[in-house]
């Protein structure tokens, strides 16, 4: 019969458990850790450890098995490193294609003549093919390419029209909904006195109120109504600057030129093919198709000979 096992009493078990779980005080151990060229005398308390430690281990032969590590470059030969550094430092704009430096200089193209002679324009055959920046008409004829300033071309057309209709006293007018009242300066009042009758012959309906105050009742039909005040002031200032010793015909030309400039089509204005053709046809029958009333060129020509020479085909 097996022997009975003697069980410890409850008091003995509690004492034994307290003995096992009693805290043991261990003295702090100072350890020396080598990291590269630095020595850190570090206690084993984790609260005193630095946040991060950079360790550069030494690679030994057995790190990669039995084979030694293969160096990327021969330390004795620095030419490879210099060549790679030169390639890395080479800068070339990404937007420039190969051979960019071989293109001809910008200013090596042929020079376009500033203006064109009337004799060089054929009476027919000029056809518009488009607009450049909605400001210049691009046209072609048998001789080559033409660029026409749409504003000054229309200005020349209107100037000739106003001078002709002024002589015939046949300029049509449009009444303003509300008369424009203007207070004149002494100089403007004197200029107005000189050209009062000429303004009426050009389609302006004027009325003197009192002193130096005048009212514009009507303007030529070609002129936008909202331009009446500005145009009237511009005409008076021009006459004031040129009134001394200027013949009457010159003053009338100044008025017609100012009126034509305000009424002409503007740059940055899209034109239909029909409108462009109309401008070309009317321009060719004016008294001076190549210059505007202020003396600026109207047409630039690039002949086929110039084009072929520019592309080295002749």
Protein backbone atom coordinates (compact mmCIF):
# COMPACT_ATOMS: atom_id res chain seq x y z
CA UNK A 1 0.00 0.00 0.00
CA UNK A 2 1.55 3.37 -1.02
CA UNK A 3 2.75 5.72 1.60
CA UNK A 4 0.55 8.74 2.35
CA UNK A 5 1.90 12.05 1.05
CA UNK A 6 2.19 14.66 3.72
CA UNK A 7 0.68 17.97 2.48
CA UNK A 8 2.13 21.25 3.84
CA UNK A 9 -0.06 23.41 5.93
CA UNK A 10 -1.61 26.60 4.54
CA UNK A 11 0.71 28.85 6.56
CA UNK A 12 3.79 27.08 5.21
CA UNK A 13 2.55 27.48 1.57
CA UNK A 14 1.99 31.23 1.92
CA UNK A 15 5.42 31.70 3.44
CA UNK A 16 7.00 29.73 0.62
CA UNK A 17 5.20 31.82 -2.07
CA UNK A 18 6.25 35.08 -0.44
CA UNK A 19 9.82 33.83 -0.41
CA UNK A 20 9.75 33.06 -4.16
CA UNK A 21 8.16 36.36 -5.22
CA UNK A 22 10.09 38.63 -2.93
CA UNK A 23 11.90 41.37 -4.90
CA UNK A 24 15.62 40.92 -5.27
CA UNK A 25 17.83 43.97 -5.34
CA UNK A 26 20.50 43.74 -8.05
CA UNK A 27 23.25 46.35 -8.07
CA UNK A 28 23.57 48.43 -11.26
CA UNK A 29 26.21 47.06 -13.55
CA UNK A 30 28.42 49.45 -15.43
CA UNK A 31 29.08 48.26 -18.99
CA UNK A 32 31.33 49.72 -21.65
CA UNK A 33 30.02 49.59 -25.25
CA UNK A 34 32.20 50.49 -28.21
CA UNK A 35 30.52 52.29 -31.15
CA UNK A 36 32.98 53.23 -33.85
CA UNK A 37 35.38 55.71 -32.28
CA UNK A 38 33.22 56.55 -29.23
CA UNK A 39 33.00 54.92 -25.82
CA UNK A 40 29.85 55.22 -23.78
CA UNK A 41 29.92 54.30 -20.09
CA UNK A 42 26.29 53.39 -19.80
CA UNK A 43 24.37 52.19 -16.78
CA UNK A 44 21.86 49.44 -17.36
CA UNK A 45 19.02 51.82 -16.55
CA UNK A 46 16.99 52.18 -19.81
CA UNK A 47 15.79 55.69 -18.97
CA UNK A 48 19.34 57.00 -19.45
CA UNK A 49 19.84 55.52 -22.92
CA UNK A 50 20.08 57.98 -25.84
CA UNK A 51 17.11 58.19 -28.23
CA UNK A 52 19.12 56.77 -31.13
CA UNK A 53 22.62 55.47 -31.65
CA UNK A 54 24.28 55.29 -35.04
CA UNK A 55 26.28 52.10 -35.27
CA UNK A 56 28.64 51.43 -38.16
CA UNK A 57 29.47 47.74 -37.94
CA UNK A 58 32.58 46.36 -39.47
CA UNK A 59 31.92 43.93 -42.30
CA UNK A 60 33.99 40.82 -41.84
CA UNK A 61 34.75 38.08 -44.28
CA UNK A 62 32.19 35.68 -42.90
CA UNK A 63 29.35 38.21 -43.09
CA UNK A 64 28.66 37.07 -46.68
CA UNK A 65 29.73 33.48 -46.17
CA UNK A 66 33.16 32.30 -47.15
CA UNK A 67 33.60 34.95 -49.91
CA UNK A 68 35.17 38.33 -49.37
CA UNK A 69 33.10 41.44 -50.20
CA UNK A 70 33.74 42.70 -53.73
CA UNK A 71 34.54 46.46 -53.83
CA UNK A 72 32.50 48.63 -56.25
CA UNK A 73 35.52 50.59 -57.47
CA UNK A 74 39.22 50.06 -57.41
CA UNK A 75 40.51 52.40 -54.75
CA UNK A 76 43.85 52.63 -56.50
CA UNK A 77 42.24 53.90 -59.76
CA UNK A 78 40.35 57.23 -59.27
CA UNK A 79 39.79 57.88 -62.99
CA UNK A 80 36.45 56.02 -62.90
CA UNK A 81 35.21 58.15 -60.04
CA UNK A 82 36.28 61.36 -61.77
CA UNK A 83 34.57 60.31 -65.00
CA UNK A 84 31.30 59.46 -63.23
CA UNK A 85 31.39 62.73 -61.29
CA UNK A 86 31.87 64.67 -64.53
CA UNK A 87 28.86 62.95 -66.10
CA UNK A 88 26.73 63.61 -63.02
CA UNK A 89 27.63 67.29 -63.03
CA UNK A 90 26.90 67.72 -66.73
CA UNK A 91 23.81 69.93 -67.15
CA UNK A 92 21.74 70.10 -70.31
CA UNK A 93 18.24 71.63 -70.47
CA UNK A 94 15.66 68.88 -70.87
CA UNK A 95 13.57 70.97 -73.25
CA UNK A 96 16.38 71.34 -75.78
CA UNK A 97 16.58 68.53 -78.34
CA UNK A 98 19.84 67.16 -79.62
CA UNK A 99 21.47 69.44 -82.14
CA UNK A 100 19.91 72.57 -80.63
CA UNK A 101 23.24 74.36 -80.60
CA UNK A 102 23.59 73.71 -84.32
CA UNK A 103 20.47 75.74 -85.26
CA UNK A 104 21.15 79.10 -86.94
CA UNK A 105 21.04 82.27 -84.84
CA UNK A 106 17.69 83.96 -84.38
CA UNK A 107 18.73 87.11 -86.25
CA UNK A 108 20.16 85.25 -89.24
CA UNK A 109 16.82 85.22 -91.11
CA UNK A 110 16.18 87.53 -94.01
CA UNK A 111 15.01 91.05 -93.35
CA UNK A 112 11.40 91.90 -94.28
CA UNK A 113 11.07 95.25 -96.05
CA UNK A 114 9.55 97.97 -93.89
CA UNK A 115 7.08 99.01 -96.57
CA UNK A 116 6.03 98.20 -100.10
CA UNK A 117 5.77 100.35 -103.21
CA UNK A 118 2.40 100.90 -104.83
CA UNK A 119 3.77 99.55 -108.11
CA UNK A 120 4.46 96.20 -106.42
CA UNK A 121 0.77 95.67 -105.68
CA UNK A 122 -1.32 93.99 -108.32
CA UNK A 123 -4.79 95.41 -108.82
CA UNK A 124 -6.31 91.95 -108.30
CA UNK A 125 -5.38 88.51 -107.07
CA UNK A 126 -4.61 89.29 -103.41
CA UNK A 127 -6.38 86.68 -101.31
CA UNK A 128 -6.53 86.59 -97.49
CA UNK A 129 -5.70 83.26 -95.88
CA UNK A 130 -6.04 84.20 -92.21
CA UNK A 131 -5.13 86.54 -89.38
CA UNK A 132 -2.03 86.84 -87.23
CA UNK A 133 -3.03 87.41 -83.58
CA UNK A 134 -6.34 88.80 -84.87
CA UNK A 135 -4.47 92.01 -85.77
CA UNK A 136 -2.76 91.45 -89.12
CA UNK A 137 -4.27 90.01 -92.28
CA UNK A 138 -2.15 87.29 -93.89
CA UNK A 139 -2.62 87.36 -97.66
CA UNK A 140 -0.97 85.90 -100.76
CA UNK A 141 -0.64 86.93 -104.39
CA UNK A 142 1.48 85.87 -107.36
CA UNK A 143 4.55 87.57 -105.88
CA UNK A 144 4.51 85.95 -102.44
CA UNK A 145 3.21 86.74 -98.96
CA UNK A 146 1.74 89.97 -97.54
CA UNK A 147 1.02 91.15 -93.99
CA UNK A 148 -1.59 93.91 -93.74
CA UNK A 149 -2.25 95.92 -90.58
CA UNK A 150 -6.03 95.76 -90.42
CA UNK A 151 -6.42 98.91 -88.29
CA UNK A 152 -4.33 101.29 -90.40
CA UNK A 153 -5.69 99.75 -93.62
CA UNK A 154 -9.23 100.63 -92.57
CA UNK A 155 -7.97 104.00 -91.33
CA UNK A 156 -6.68 104.82 -94.83
CA UNK A 157 -10.00 103.75 -96.38
CA UNK A 158 -12.03 105.94 -94.03
CA UNK A 159 -9.70 108.93 -94.36
CA UNK A 160 -10.11 109.02 -98.12
CA UNK A 161 -13.86 108.58 -97.71
CA UNK A 162 -14.19 111.50 -95.27
CA UNK A 163 -12.09 113.86 -97.37
CA UNK A 164 -14.13 113.03 -100.46
CA UNK A 165 -17.49 113.33 -98.71
CA UNK A 166 -16.43 116.54 -97.00
CA UNK A 167 -15.84 118.09 -100.39
CA UNK A 168 -19.27 116.90 -101.53
CA UNK A 169 -20.93 117.85 -98.22
CA UNK A 170 -22.48 114.39 -98.15
CA UNK A 171 -21.32 112.86 -94.85
CA UNK A 172 -24.21 111.18 -93.03
CA UNK A 173 -24.79 111.81 -89.33
CA UNK A 174 -26.44 109.97 -86.47
CA UNK A 175 -28.17 111.80 -83.62
CA UNK A 176 -27.10 111.01 -80.07
CA UNK A 177 -29.78 109.93 -77.63
CA UNK A 178 -28.49 112.51 -75.15
CA UNK A 179 -26.29 115.44 -76.25
CA UNK A 180 -22.74 115.37 -74.89
CA UNK A 181 -22.02 118.58 -72.96
CA UNK A 182 -18.37 119.63 -72.78
CA UNK A 183 -16.70 122.51 -70.94
CA UNK A 184 -13.77 123.73 -73.04
CA UNK A 185 -10.48 125.15 -71.86
CA UNK A 186 -9.45 128.55 -73.28
CA UNK A 187 -7.11 126.85 -75.79
CA UNK A 188 -9.80 124.36 -76.84
CA UNK A 189 -12.34 127.16 -77.19
CA UNK A 190 -10.04 128.99 -79.60
CA UNK A 191 -9.42 125.78 -81.60
CA UNK A 192 -13.15 125.15 -81.78
CA UNK A 193 -13.72 128.63 -83.20
CA UNK A 194 -11.26 127.86 -86.02
CA UNK A 195 -12.87 124.57 -87.13
CA UNK A 196 -16.52 124.99 -86.17
CA UNK A 197 -17.73 125.00 -89.79
CA UNK A 198 -15.39 122.14 -90.77
CA UNK A 199 -16.78 119.94 -88.00
CA UNK A 200 -20.28 120.38 -89.36
CA UNK A 201 -19.14 119.44 -92.86
CA UNK A 202 -17.66 116.20 -91.42
CA UNK A 203 -20.96 115.17 -89.83
CA UNK A 204 -20.76 116.74 -86.38
CA UNK A 205 -23.85 118.56 -85.14
CA UNK A 206 -22.63 121.17 -82.63
CA UNK A 207 -24.34 123.75 -80.47
CA UNK A 208 -22.69 126.46 -78.38
CA UNK A 209 -24.47 126.88 -75.06
CA UNK A 210 -22.88 129.62 -72.97
CA UNK A 211 -19.35 130.82 -72.45
CA UNK A 212 -16.98 127.93 -73.25
CA UNK A 213 -19.62 125.18 -72.99
CA UNK A 214 -20.69 123.33 -76.14
CA UNK A 215 -22.93 120.33 -76.85
CA UNK A 216 -22.47 117.53 -79.40
CA UNK A 217 -25.86 116.59 -80.87
CA UNK A 218 -24.82 114.27 -83.73
CA UNK A 219 -21.70 112.48 -85.04
CA UNK A 220 -20.73 110.72 -88.30
CA UNK A 221 -22.46 107.37 -88.75
CA UNK A 222 -19.14 105.45 -88.79
CA UNK A 223 -18.18 106.72 -85.35
CA UNK A 224 -19.33 104.79 -82.24
CA UNK A 225 -21.47 107.10 -80.12
CA UNK A 226 -19.39 106.43 -76.99
CA UNK A 227 -16.29 107.78 -78.78
CA UNK A 228 -17.83 111.21 -79.51
CA UNK A 229 -16.48 113.03 -76.45
CA UNK A 230 -12.95 111.59 -76.68
CA UNK A 231 -12.70 112.23 -80.41
CA UNK A 232 -13.91 115.82 -80.09
CA UNK A 233 -11.33 116.57 -77.37
CA UNK A 234 -8.58 114.89 -79.41
CA UNK A 235 -9.42 116.97 -82.49
CA UNK A 236 -9.33 120.21 -80.52
CA UNK A 237 -5.97 119.35 -78.93
CA UNK A 238 -4.50 118.49 -82.35
CA UNK A 239 -5.74 121.73 -83.89
CA UNK A 240 -4.41 123.73 -80.95
CA UNK A 241 -0.94 122.21 -81.46
CA UNK A 242 -0.89 122.88 -85.23
CA UNK A 243 -3.04 125.98 -85.65
CA UNK A 244 -0.16 128.44 -85.94
CA UNK A 245 0.64 128.89 -89.61
CA UNK A 246 -1.21 125.72 -90.72
CA UNK A 247 -3.26 126.00 -93.93
CA UNK A 248 -6.95 125.18 -93.82
CA UNK A 249 -6.50 121.97 -95.79
CA UNK A 250 -4.02 120.67 -93.20
CA UNK A 251 -6.50 121.29 -90.39
CA UNK A 252 -9.17 119.40 -92.31
CA UNK A 253 -6.76 116.50 -92.88
CA UNK A 254 -6.08 116.38 -89.14
CA UNK A 255 -9.79 116.22 -88.38
CA UNK A 256 -10.38 113.49 -90.97
CA UNK A 257 -7.36 111.49 -89.73
CA UNK A 258 -8.53 111.62 -86.10
CA UNK A 259 -12.04 110.64 -87.11
CA UNK A 260 -10.77 107.74 -89.26
CA UNK A 261 -8.54 106.45 -86.45
CA UNK A 262 -11.43 106.31 -83.97
CA UNK A 263 -13.87 104.73 -86.43
CA UNK A 264 -11.51 102.09 -87.90
CA UNK A 265 -11.51 98.44 -86.84
CA UNK A 266 -9.18 97.75 -83.95
CA UNK A 267 -6.40 95.24 -83.44
CA UNK A 268 -7.24 92.06 -81.52
CA UNK A 269 -10.50 91.91 -83.46
CA UNK A 270 -11.49 88.75 -85.33
CA UNK A 271 -12.50 89.36 -88.95
CA UNK A 272 -14.42 87.09 -91.28
CA UNK A 273 -12.84 86.12 -94.64
CA UNK A 274 -15.40 88.36 -96.37
CA UNK A 275 -14.46 91.36 -94.21
CA UNK A 276 -10.75 90.80 -94.84
CA UNK A 277 -11.33 90.62 -98.59
CA UNK A 278 -13.44 93.79 -98.43
CA UNK A 279 -10.63 95.66 -96.65
CA UNK A 280 -8.07 94.53 -99.22
CA UNK A 281 -10.22 95.48 -102.20
CA UNK A 282 -11.06 98.92 -100.78
CA UNK A 283 -7.47 99.58 -99.71
CA UNK A 284 -6.11 99.02 -103.22
CA UNK A 285 -8.25 101.84 -104.67
CA UNK A 286 -7.29 104.49 -102.07
CA UNK A 287 -4.95 107.38 -102.80
CA UNK A 288 -2.11 105.76 -100.83
CA UNK A 289 -2.57 102.01 -100.13
CA UNK A 290 0.86 101.60 -98.54
CA UNK A 291 0.72 104.28 -95.83
CA UNK A 292 -1.87 105.38 -93.28
CA UNK A 293 -2.86 109.07 -92.83
CA UNK A 294 -0.26 109.37 -90.04
CA UNK A 295 2.54 108.03 -92.24
CA UNK A 296 2.86 104.48 -90.90
CA UNK A 297 3.25 101.49 -93.26
CA UNK A 298 0.13 99.46 -94.05
CA UNK A 299 1.58 96.45 -95.89
CA UNK A 300 4.74 94.35 -95.53
CA UNK A 301 5.73 92.01 -98.35
CA UNK A 302 7.78 88.82 -98.34
CA UNK A 303 8.34 87.84 -101.95
CA UNK A 304 8.89 84.30 -103.21
CA UNK A 305 12.46 85.27 -104.07
CA UNK A 306 13.04 86.36 -100.45
CA UNK A 307 11.45 83.15 -99.15
CA UNK A 308 13.55 80.92 -101.42
CA UNK A 309 16.72 82.81 -100.55
CA UNK A 310 15.91 82.48 -96.85
CA UNK A 311 15.68 78.69 -97.22
CA UNK A 312 18.86 78.63 -99.37
CA UNK A 313 16.96 77.49 -102.45
CA UNK A 314 18.39 80.10 -104.80
